[in-house]
Amino acid sequence: NWNALNDALERTGKEQEFRRKVANSSYIVATSFFVS
């Protein structure tokens, strides 16, 4: 539920931190495709 998650990130001021975590997960996902 992106509306709820975005509201929570905005309240806590953690939008940038969450973007960094999404970037970290991107490396894991990309690795899965390179392995494939």
PDB file of all heavy atoms in Angstrom:
ATOM      1  N   ASN A   1       0.874  -1.170   0.000  1.00  0.00           N
ATOM      2  CA  ASN A   1       0.000   0.000   0.000  1.00  0.00           C
ATOM      3  C   ASN A   1       0.912   1.222   0.000  1.00  0.00           C
ATOM      4  O   ASN A   1       1.356   1.698   1.052  1.00  0.00           O
ATOM      5  CB  ASN A   1      -0.901  -0.011   1.237  1.00  0.00           C
ATOM      6  CG  ASN A   1      -1.872   1.153   1.254  1.00  0.00           C
ATOM      7  OD1 ASN A   1      -1.627   2.196   0.641  1.00  0.00           O
ATOM      8  ND2 ASN A   1      -2.981   0.986   1.942  1.00  0.00           N
ATOM      9  N   TRP A   2       1.202   1.721  -1.199  1.00  0.00           N
ATOM     10  CA  TRP A   2       2.194   2.783  -1.322  1.00  0.00           C
ATOM     11  C   TRP A   2       1.742   4.091  -0.681  1.00  0.00           C
ATOM     12  O   TRP A   2       2.574   4.881  -0.214  1.00  0.00           O
ATOM     13  CB  TRP A   2       2.568   2.992  -2.794  1.00  0.00           C
ATOM     14  CG  TRP A   2       3.580   1.997  -3.234  1.00  0.00           C
ATOM     15  CD1 TRP A   2       3.373   0.874  -3.963  1.00  0.00           C
ATOM     16  CD2 TRP A   2       4.979   2.017  -2.921  1.00  0.00           C
ATOM     17  NE1 TRP A   2       4.557   0.183  -4.132  1.00  0.00           N
ATOM     18  CE2 TRP A   2       5.541   0.860  -3.503  1.00  0.00           C
ATOM     19  CE3 TRP A   2       5.788   2.887  -2.201  1.00  0.00           C
ATOM     20  CZ2 TRP A   2       6.904   0.565  -3.394  1.00  0.00           C
ATOM     21  CZ3 TRP A   2       7.143   2.594  -2.085  1.00  0.00           C
ATOM     22  CH2 TRP A   2       7.685   1.452  -2.684  1.00  0.00           C
ATOM     23  N   ASN A   3       0.457   4.377  -0.673  1.00  0.00           N
ATOM     24  CA  ASN A   3      -0.029   5.598  -0.029  1.00  0.00           C
ATOM     25  C   ASN A   3       0.316   5.608   1.459  1.00  0.00           C
ATOM     26  O   ASN A   3       0.821   6.593   1.996  1.00  0.00           O
ATOM     27  CB  ASN A   3      -1.538   5.743  -0.224  1.00  0.00           C
ATOM     28  CG  ASN A   3      -1.907   6.069  -1.660  1.00  0.00           C
ATOM     29  OD1 ASN A   3      -1.128   6.703  -2.371  1.00  0.00           O
ATOM     30  ND2 ASN A   3      -3.077   5.634  -2.093  1.00  0.00           N
ATOM     31  N   ALA A   4       0.055   4.472   2.111  1.00  0.00           N
ATOM     32  CA  ALA A   4       0.346   4.363   3.540  1.00  0.00           C
ATOM     33  C   ALA A   4       1.851   4.416   3.797  1.00  0.00           C
ATOM     34  O   ALA A   4       2.313   5.082   4.736  1.00  0.00           O
ATOM     35  CB  ALA A   4      -0.235   3.062   4.093  1.00  0.00           C
ATOM     36  N   LEU A   5       2.622   3.721   2.961  1.00  0.00           N
ATOM     37  CA  LEU A   5       4.071   3.697   3.154  1.00  0.00           C
ATOM     38  C   LEU A   5       4.685   5.081   2.909  1.00  0.00           C
ATOM     39  O   LEU A   5       5.527   5.543   3.700  1.00  0.00           O
ATOM     40  CB  LEU A   5       4.710   2.673   2.223  1.00  0.00           C
ATOM     41  CG  LEU A   5       6.241   2.558   2.299  1.00  0.00           C
ATOM     42  CD1 LEU A   5       6.697   2.250   3.719  1.00  0.00           C
ATOM     43  CD2 LEU A   5       6.755   1.490   1.333  1.00  0.00           C
ATOM     44  N   ASN A   6       4.270   5.742   1.857  1.00  0.00           N
ATOM     45  CA  ASN A   6       4.802   7.084   1.570  1.00  0.00           C
ATOM     46  C   ASN A   6       4.459   8.079   2.675  1.00  0.00           C
ATOM     47  O   ASN A   6       5.274   8.939   3.035  1.00  0.00           O
ATOM     48  CB  ASN A   6       4.276   7.589   0.224  1.00  0.00           C
ATOM     49  CG  ASN A   6       4.915   6.869  -0.955  1.00  0.00           C
ATOM     50  OD1 ASN A   6       6.054   6.424  -0.868  1.00  0.00           O
ATOM     51  ND2 ASN A   6       4.182   6.759  -2.051  1.00  0.00           N
ATOM     52  N   ASP A   7       3.244   7.961   3.219  1.00  0.00           N
ATOM     53  CA  ASP A   7       2.849   8.839   4.331  1.00  0.00           C
ATOM     54  C   ASP A   7       3.755   8.606   5.537  1.00  0.00           C
ATOM     55  O   ASP A   7       4.197   9.564   6.199  1.00  0.00           O
ATOM     56  CB  ASP A   7       1.391   8.583   4.721  1.00  0.00           C
ATOM     57  CG  ASP A   7       0.413   9.133   3.688  1.00  0.00           C
ATOM     58  OD1 ASP A   7       0.838   9.950   2.842  1.00  0.00           O
ATOM     59  OD2 ASP A   7      -0.765   8.723   3.719  1.00  0.00           O
ATOM     60  N   ALA A   8       4.030   7.340   5.841  1.00  0.00           N
ATOM     61  CA  ALA A   8       4.882   7.000   6.992  1.00  0.00           C
ATOM     62  C   ALA A   8       6.314   7.491   6.780  1.00  0.00           C
ATOM     63  O   ALA A   8       6.947   8.014   7.706  1.00  0.00           O
ATOM     64  CB  ALA A   8       4.876   5.494   7.224  1.00  0.00           C
ATOM     65  N   LEU A   9       6.821   7.345   5.563  1.00  0.00           N
ATOM     66  CA  LEU A   9       8.181   7.807   5.261  1.00  0.00           C
ATOM     67  C   LEU A   9       8.276   9.324   5.353  1.00  0.00           C
ATOM     68  O   LEU A   9       9.281   9.868   5.827  1.00  0.00           O
ATOM     69  CB  LEU A   9       8.591   7.332   3.854  1.00  0.00           C
ATOM     70  CG  LEU A   9       8.781   5.831   3.680  1.00  0.00           C
ATOM     71  CD1 LEU A   9       8.984   5.488   2.204  1.00  0.00           C
ATOM     72  CD2 LEU A   9       9.974   5.327   4.504  1.00  0.00           C
ATOM     73  N   GLU A  10       7.216   9.997   4.920  1.00  0.00           N
ATOM     74  CA  GLU A  10       7.197  11.461   4.986  1.00  0.00           C
ATOM     75  C   GLU A  10       7.141  11.941   6.433  1.00  0.00           C
ATOM     76  O   GLU A  10       7.811  12.908   6.800  1.00  0.00           O
ATOM     77  CB  GLU A  10       6.000  11.993   4.196  1.00  0.00           C
ATOM     78  CG  GLU A  10       5.986  13.514   4.053  1.00  0.00           C
ATOM     79  CD  GLU A  10       4.843  14.004   3.183  1.00  0.00           C
ATOM     80  OE1 GLU A  10       4.153  13.166   2.565  1.00  0.00           O
ATOM     81  OE2 GLU A  10       4.643  15.231   3.125  1.00  0.00           O
ATOM     82  N   ARG A  11       6.353  11.255   7.260  1.00  0.00           N
ATOM     83  CA  ARG A  11       6.237  11.637   8.679  1.00  0.00           C
ATOM     84  C   ARG A  11       7.572  11.507   9.395  1.00  0.00           C
ATOM     85  O   ARG A  11       7.917  12.321  10.254  1.00  0.00           O
ATOM     86  CB  ARG A  11       5.197  10.766   9.391  1.00  0.00           C
ATOM     87  CG  ARG A  11       3.760  11.107   9.081  1.00  0.00           C
ATOM     88  CD  ARG A  11       2.819  10.478  10.102  1.00  0.00           C
ATOM     89  NE  ARG A  11       3.007   9.043  10.222  1.00  0.00           N
ATOM     90  CZ  ARG A  11       2.361   8.144   9.494  1.00  0.00           C
ATOM     91  NH1 ARG A  11       1.504   8.530   8.556  1.00  0.00           N
ATOM     92  NH2 ARG A  11       2.574   6.843   9.670  1.00  0.00           N
ATOM     93  N   THR A  12       8.308  10.466   9.055  1.00  0.00           N
ATOM     94  CA  THR A  12       9.581  10.197   9.729  1.00  0.00           C
ATOM     95  C   THR A  12      10.774  10.836   9.026  1.00  0.00           C
ATOM     96  O   THR A  12      11.900  10.789   9.549  1.00  0.00           O
ATOM     97  CB  THR A  12       9.815   8.675   9.827  1.00  0.00           C
ATOM     98  OG1 THR A  12       9.771   8.101   8.506  1.00  0.00           O
ATOM     99  CG2 THR A  12       8.753   8.022  10.696  1.00  0.00           C
ATOM    100  N   GLY A  13      10.534  11.429   7.862  1.00  0.00           N
ATOM    101  CA  GLY A  13      11.624  12.051   7.116  1.00  0.00           C
ATOM    102  C   GLY A  13      12.644  11.051   6.615  1.00  0.00           C
ATOM    103  O   GLY A  13      13.841  11.367   6.510  1.00  0.00           O
ATOM    104  N   LYS A  14      12.194   9.844   6.303  1.00  0.00           N
ATOM    105  CA  LYS A  14      13.116   8.778   5.905  1.00  0.00           C
ATOM    106  C   LYS A  14      13.022   8.432   4.415  1.00  0.00           C
ATOM    107  O   LYS A  14      13.421   7.343   4.013  1.00  0.00           O
ATOM    108  CB  LYS A  14      12.816   7.523   6.733  1.00  0.00           C
ATOM    109  CG  LYS A  14      13.028   7.681   8.228  1.00  0.00           C
ATOM    110  CD  LYS A  14      14.503   7.874   8.549  1.00  0.00           C
ATOM    111  CE  LYS A  14      14.752   7.968  10.043  1.00  0.00           C
ATOM    112  NZ  LYS A  14      14.513   6.713  10.742  1.00  0.00           N
ATOM    113  N   GLU A  15      12.508   9.354   3.604  1.00  0.00           N
ATOM    114  CA  GLU A  15      12.361   9.043   2.165  1.00  0.00           C
ATOM    115  C   GLU A  15      13.701   8.705   1.521  1.00  0.00           C
ATOM    116  O   GLU A  15      13.815   7.716   0.777  1.00  0.00           O
ATOM    117  CB  GLU A  15      11.731  10.225   1.406  1.00  0.00           C
ATOM    118  CG  GLU A  15      10.310  10.549   1.836  1.00  0.00           C
ATOM    119  CD  GLU A  15      10.278  11.707   2.799  1.00  0.00           C
ATOM    120  OE1 GLU A  15      11.258  11.874   3.561  1.00  0.00           O
ATOM    121  OE2 GLU A  15       9.282  12.454   2.771  1.00  0.00           O
ATOM    122  N   GLN A  16      14.728   9.509   1.791  1.00  0.00           N
ATOM    123  CA  GLN A  16      16.040   9.281   1.178  1.00  0.00           C
ATOM    124  C   GLN A  16      16.651   7.964   1.643  1.00  0.00           C
ATOM    125  O   GLN A  16      17.245   7.227   0.856  1.00  0.00           O
ATOM    126  CB  GLN A  16      16.981  10.449   1.506  1.00  0.00           C
ATOM    127  CG  GLN A  16      16.635  11.750   0.814  1.00  0.00           C
ATOM    128  CD  GLN A  16      16.731  11.631  -0.698  1.00  0.00           C
ATOM    129  OE1 GLN A  16      17.556  10.897  -1.242  1.00  0.00           O
ATOM    130  NE2 GLN A  16      15.863  12.354  -1.401  1.00  0.00           N
ATOM    131  N   GLU A  17      16.494   7.680   2.920  1.00  0.00           N
ATOM    132  CA  GLU A  17      17.042   6.430   3.450  1.00  0.00           C
ATOM    133  C   GLU A  17      16.364   5.229   2.791  1.00  0.00           C
ATOM    134  O   GLU A  17      17.026   4.245   2.441  1.00  0.00           O
ATOM    135  CB  GLU A  17      16.860   6.365   4.972  1.00  0.00           C
ATOM    136  CG  GLU A  17      17.484   5.119   5.592  1.00  0.00           C
ATOM    137  CD  GLU A  17      17.355   5.090   7.101  1.00  0.00           C
ATOM    138  OE1 GLU A  17      16.928   6.115   7.687  1.00  0.00           O
ATOM    139  OE2 GLU A  17      17.681   4.041   7.689  1.00  0.00           O
ATOM    140  N   PHE A  18      15.042   5.326   2.597  1.00  0.00           N
ATOM    141  CA  PHE A  18      14.323   4.218   1.966  1.00  0.00           C
ATOM    142  C   PHE A  18      14.764   4.045   0.507  1.00  0.00           C
ATOM    143  O   PHE A  18      14.905   2.917   0.034  1.00  0.00           O
ATOM    144  CB  PHE A  18      12.812   4.456   2.033  1.00  0.00           C
ATOM    145  CG  PHE A  18      12.009   3.338   1.421  1.00  0.00           C
ATOM    146  CD1 PHE A  18      11.959   2.088   2.019  1.00  0.00           C
ATOM    147  CD2 PHE A  18      11.314   3.531   0.239  1.00  0.00           C
ATOM    148  CE1 PHE A  18      11.233   1.058   1.462  1.00  0.00           C
ATOM    149  CE2 PHE A  18      10.584   2.515  -0.335  1.00  0.00           C
ATOM    150  CZ  PHE A  18      10.549   1.271   0.281  1.00  0.00           C
ATOM    151  N   ARG A  19      15.019   5.158  -0.184  1.00  0.00           N
ATOM    152  CA  ARG A  19      15.500   5.064  -1.564  1.00  0.00           C
ATOM    153  C   ARG A  19      16.832   4.328  -1.624  1.00  0.00           C
ATOM    154  O   ARG A  19      17.094   3.557  -2.557  1.00  0.00           O
ATOM    155  CB  ARG A  19      15.639   6.461  -2.182  1.00  0.00           C
ATOM    156  CG  ARG A  19      14.308   7.140  -2.468  1.00  0.00           C
ATOM    157  CD  ARG A  19      14.499   8.372  -3.345  1.00  0.00           C
ATOM    158  NE  ARG A  19      13.250   9.115  -3.472  1.00  0.00           N
ATOM    159  CZ  ARG A  19      12.938  10.177  -2.758  1.00  0.00           C
ATOM    160  NH1 ARG A  19      13.810  10.634  -1.861  1.00  0.00           N
ATOM    161  NH2 ARG A  19      11.789  10.798  -2.924  1.00  0.00           N
ATOM    162  N   ARG A  20      17.681   4.563  -0.625  1.00  0.00           N
ATOM    163  CA  ARG A  20      18.968   3.853  -0.580  1.00  0.00           C
ATOM    164  C   ARG A  20      18.758   2.358  -0.366  1.00  0.00           C
ATOM    165  O   ARG A  20      19.475   1.523  -0.956  1.00  0.00           O
ATOM    166  CB  ARG A  20      19.859   4.431   0.525  1.00  0.00           C
ATOM    167  CG  ARG A  20      20.390   5.831   0.219  1.00  0.00           C
ATOM    168  CD  ARG A  20      21.531   6.198   1.158  1.00  0.00           C
ATOM    169  NE  ARG A  20      21.074   6.320   2.537  1.00  0.00           N
ATOM    170  CZ  ARG A  20      20.616   7.453   3.067  1.00  0.00           C
ATOM    171  NH1 ARG A  20      20.557   8.550   2.316  1.00  0.00           N
ATOM    172  NH2 ARG A  20      20.230   7.500   4.326  1.00  0.00           N
ATOM    173  N   LYS A  21      17.769   2.004   0.454  1.00  0.00           N
ATOM    174  CA  LYS A  21      17.487   0.586   0.679  1.00  0.00           C
ATOM    175  C   LYS A  21      16.928  -0.068  -0.588  1.00  0.00           C
ATOM    176  O   LYS A  21      17.247  -1.222  -0.901  1.00  0.00           O
ATOM    177  CB  LYS A  21      16.482   0.421   1.828  1.00  0.00           C
ATOM    178  CG  LYS A  21      16.929   1.033   3.153  1.00  0.00           C
ATOM    179  CD  LYS A  21      18.277   0.495   3.606  1.00  0.00           C
ATOM    180  CE  LYS A  21      18.671   1.109   4.944  1.00  0.00           C
ATOM    181  NZ  LYS A  21      20.004   0.629   5.397  1.00  0.00           N
ATOM    182  N   VAL A  22      16.089   0.675  -1.320  1.00  0.00           N
ATOM    183  CA  VAL A  22      15.562   0.164  -2.583  1.00  0.00           C
ATOM    184  C   VAL A  22      16.706  -0.051  -3.569  1.00  0.00           C
ATOM    185  O   VAL A  22      16.746  -1.046  -4.305  1.00  0.00           O
ATOM    186  CB  VAL A  22      14.515   1.128  -3.184  1.00  0.00           C
ATOM    187  CG1 VAL A  22      14.129   0.701  -4.597  1.00  0.00           C
ATOM    188  CG2 VAL A  22      13.270   1.177  -2.300  1.00  0.00           C
ATOM    189  N   ALA A  23      17.689   0.886  -3.560  1.00  0.00           N
ATOM    190  CA  ALA A  23      18.849   0.743  -4.441  1.00  0.00           C
ATOM    191  C   ALA A  23      19.643  -0.509  -4.075  1.00  0.00           C
ATOM    192  O   ALA A  23      20.103  -1.254  -4.955  1.00  0.00           O
ATOM    193  CB  ALA A  23      19.737   1.983  -4.340  1.00  0.00           C
ATOM    194  N   ASN A  24      19.805  -0.775  -2.777  1.00  0.00           N
ATOM    195  CA  ASN A  24      20.513  -1.986  -2.345  1.00  0.00           C
ATOM    196  C   ASN A  24      19.803  -3.242  -2.837  1.00  0.00           C
ATOM    197  O   ASN A  24      20.438  -4.201  -3.294  1.00  0.00           O
ATOM    198  CB  ASN A  24      20.622  -2.017  -0.818  1.00  0.00           C
ATOM    199  CG  ASN A  24      21.568  -0.963  -0.285  1.00  0.00           C
ATOM    200  OD1 ASN A  24      22.416  -0.456  -1.013  1.00  0.00           O
ATOM    201  ND2 ASN A  24      21.426  -0.616   0.983  1.00  0.00           N
ATOM    202  N   SER A  25      18.470  -3.227  -2.731  1.00  0.00           N
ATOM    203  CA  SER A  25      17.712  -4.395  -3.189  1.00  0.00           C
ATOM    204  C   SER A  25      17.819  -4.556  -4.706  1.00  0.00           C
ATOM    205  O   SER A  25      17.751  -5.666  -5.228  1.00  0.00           O
ATOM    206  CB  SER A  25      16.248  -4.279  -2.773  1.00  0.00           C
ATOM    207  OG  SER A  25      15.583  -3.270  -3.504  1.00  0.00           O
ATOM    208  N   SER A  26      18.000  -3.425  -5.414  1.00  0.00           N
ATOM    209  CA  SER A  26      18.162  -3.491  -6.868  1.00  0.00           C
ATOM    210  C   SER A  26      19.392  -4.297  -7.238  1.00  0.00           C
ATOM    211  O   SER A  26      19.384  -5.045  -8.229  1.00  0.00           O
ATOM    212  CB  SER A  26      18.266  -2.084  -7.472  1.00  0.00           C
ATOM    213  OG  SER A  26      17.068  -1.369  -7.328  1.00  0.00           O
ATOM    214  N   TYR A  27      20.454  -4.156  -6.450  1.00  0.00           N
ATOM    215  CA  TYR A  27      21.676  -4.921  -6.734  1.00  0.00           C
ATOM    216  C   TYR A  27      21.426  -6.419  -6.561  1.00  0.00           C
ATOM    217  O   TYR A  27      21.942  -7.233  -7.329  1.00  0.00           O
ATOM    218  CB  TYR A  27      22.802  -4.464  -5.803  1.00  0.00           C
ATOM    219  CG  TYR A  27      23.253  -3.039  -6.039  1.00  0.00           C
ATOM    220  CD1 TYR A  27      23.214  -2.099  -5.023  1.00  0.00           C
ATOM    221  CD2 TYR A  27      23.701  -2.631  -7.297  1.00  0.00           C
ATOM    222  CE1 TYR A  27      23.620  -0.789  -5.234  1.00  0.00           C
ATOM    223  CE2 TYR A  27      24.109  -1.314  -7.519  1.00  0.00           C
ATOM    224  CZ  TYR A  27      24.055  -0.412  -6.486  1.00  0.00           C
ATOM    225  OH  TYR A  27      24.450   0.898  -6.709  1.00  0.00           O
ATOM    226  N   ILE A  28      20.632  -6.764  -5.547  1.00  0.00           N
ATOM    227  CA  ILE A  28      20.325  -8.181  -5.320  1.00  0.00           C
ATOM    228  C   ILE A  28      19.493  -8.735  -6.474  1.00  0.00           C
ATOM    229  O   ILE A  28      19.755  -9.817  -6.997  1.00  0.00           O
ATOM    230  CB  ILE A  28      19.583  -8.376  -3.983  1.00  0.00           C
ATOM    231  CG1 ILE A  28      20.423  -7.851  -2.821  1.00  0.00           C
ATOM    232  CG2 ILE A  28      19.254  -9.856  -3.767  1.00  0.00           C
ATOM    233  CD1 ILE A  28      19.698  -7.872  -1.469  1.00  0.00           C
ATOM    234  N   VAL A  29      18.461  -7.959  -6.873  1.00  0.00           N
ATOM    235  CA  VAL A  29      17.580  -8.391  -7.955  1.00  0.00           C
ATOM    236  C   VAL A  29      18.358  -8.489  -9.267  1.00  0.00           C
ATOM    237  O   VAL A  29      18.222  -9.459 -10.023  1.00  0.00           O
ATOM    238  CB  VAL A  29      16.392  -7.430  -8.112  1.00  0.00           C
ATOM    239  CG1 VAL A  29      15.578  -7.773  -9.354  1.00  0.00           C
ATOM    240  CG2 VAL A  29      15.494  -7.485  -6.873  1.00  0.00           C
ATOM    241  N   ALA A  30      19.195  -7.490  -9.545  1.00  0.00           N
ATOM    242  CA  ALA A  30      19.998  -7.518 -10.771  1.00  0.00           C
ATOM    243  C   ALA A  30      20.922  -8.733 -10.775  1.00  0.00           C
ATOM    244  O   ALA A  30      21.095  -9.389 -11.813  1.00  0.00           O
ATOM    245  CB  ALA A  30      20.803  -6.231 -10.899  1.00  0.00           C
ATOM    246  N   THR A  31      21.492  -9.034  -9.617  1.00  0.00           N
ATOM    247  CA  THR A  31      22.363 -10.208  -9.508  1.00  0.00           C
ATOM    248  C   THR A  31      21.616 -11.483  -9.871  1.00  0.00           C
ATOM    249  O   THR A  31      22.155 -12.375 -10.535  1.00  0.00           O
ATOM    250  CB  THR A  31      22.932 -10.327  -8.082  1.00  0.00           C
ATOM    251  OG1 THR A  31      23.729  -9.177  -7.800  1.00  0.00           O
ATOM    252  CG2 THR A  31      23.789 -11.581  -7.935  1.00  0.00           C
ATOM    253  N   SER A  32      20.327 -11.574  -9.460  1.00  0.00           N
ATOM    254  CA  SER A  32      19.539 -12.764  -9.771  1.00  0.00           C
ATOM    255  C   SER A  32      19.393 -12.949 -11.279  1.00  0.00           C
ATOM    256  O   SER A  32      19.447 -14.070 -11.789  1.00  0.00           O
ATOM    257  CB  SER A  32      18.153 -12.683  -9.106  1.00  0.00           C
ATOM    258  OG  SER A  32      17.307 -11.783  -9.794  1.00  0.00           O
ATOM    259  N   PHE A  33      19.231 -11.845 -12.008  1.00  0.00           N
ATOM    260  CA  PHE A  33      19.096 -11.937 -13.461  1.00  0.00           C
ATOM    261  C   PHE A  33      20.434 -12.230 -14.132  1.00  0.00           C
ATOM    262  O   PHE A  33      20.486 -12.954 -15.138  1.00  0.00           O
ATOM    263  CB  PHE A  33      18.483 -10.649 -14.015  1.00  0.00           C
ATOM    264  CG  PHE A  33      17.008 -10.526 -13.752  1.00  0.00           C
ATOM    265  CD1 PHE A  33      16.537  -9.636 -12.812  1.00  0.00           C
ATOM    266  CD2 PHE A  33      16.094 -11.324 -14.426  1.00  0.00           C
ATOM    267  CE1 PHE A  33      15.177  -9.536 -12.547  1.00  0.00           C
ATOM    268  CE2 PHE A  33      14.737 -11.225 -14.167  1.00  0.00           C
ATOM    269  CZ  PHE A  33      14.277 -10.335 -13.230  1.00  0.00           C
ATOM    270  N   PHE A  34      21.522 -11.695 -13.588  1.00  0.00           N
ATOM    271  CA  PHE A  34      22.836 -11.992 -14.161  1.00  0.00           C
ATOM    272  C   PHE A  34      23.221 -13.455 -13.920  1.00  0.00           C
ATOM    273  O   PHE A  34      23.834 -14.089 -14.779  1.00  0.00           O
ATOM    274  CB  PHE A  34      23.889 -11.054 -13.571  1.00  0.00           C
ATOM    275  CG  PHE A  34      23.700  -9.607 -13.968  1.00  0.00           C
ATOM    276  CD1 PHE A  34      23.910  -8.584 -13.062  1.00  0.00           C
ATOM    277  CD2 PHE A  34      23.288  -9.279 -15.251  1.00  0.00           C
ATOM    278  CE1 PHE A  34      23.730  -7.260 -13.437  1.00  0.00           C
ATOM    279  CE2 PHE A  34      23.097  -7.954 -15.635  1.00  0.00           C
ATOM    280  CZ  PHE A  34      23.321  -6.947 -14.726  1.00  0.00           C
ATOM    281  N   VAL A  35      22.849 -13.977 -12.752  1.00  0.00           N
ATOM    282  CA  VAL A  35      23.064 -15.406 -12.477  1.00  0.00           C
ATOM    283  C   VAL A  35      22.258 -16.245 -13.457  1.00  0.00           C
ATOM    284  O   VAL A  35      22.746 -17.231 -14.026  1.00  0.00           O
ATOM    285  CB  VAL A  35      22.684 -15.746 -11.019  1.00  0.00           C
ATOM    286  CG1 VAL A  35      22.620 -17.259 -10.814  1.00  0.00           C
ATOM    287  CG2 VAL A  35      23.679 -15.131 -10.049  1.00  0.00           C
ATOM    288  N   SER A  36      20.997 -15.854 -13.664  1.00  0.00           N
ATOM    289  CA  SER A  36      20.130 -16.548 -14.611  1.00  0.00           C
ATOM    290  C   SER A  36      20.728 -16.504 -16.016  1.00  0.00           C
ATOM    291  O   SER A  36      20.705 -17.500 -16.751  1.00  0.00           O
ATOM    292  CB  SER A  36      18.738 -15.924 -14.619  1.00  0.00           C
ATOM    293  OG  SER A  36      17.910 -16.522 -15.591  1.00  0.00           O
TER     294      SER A  36
END
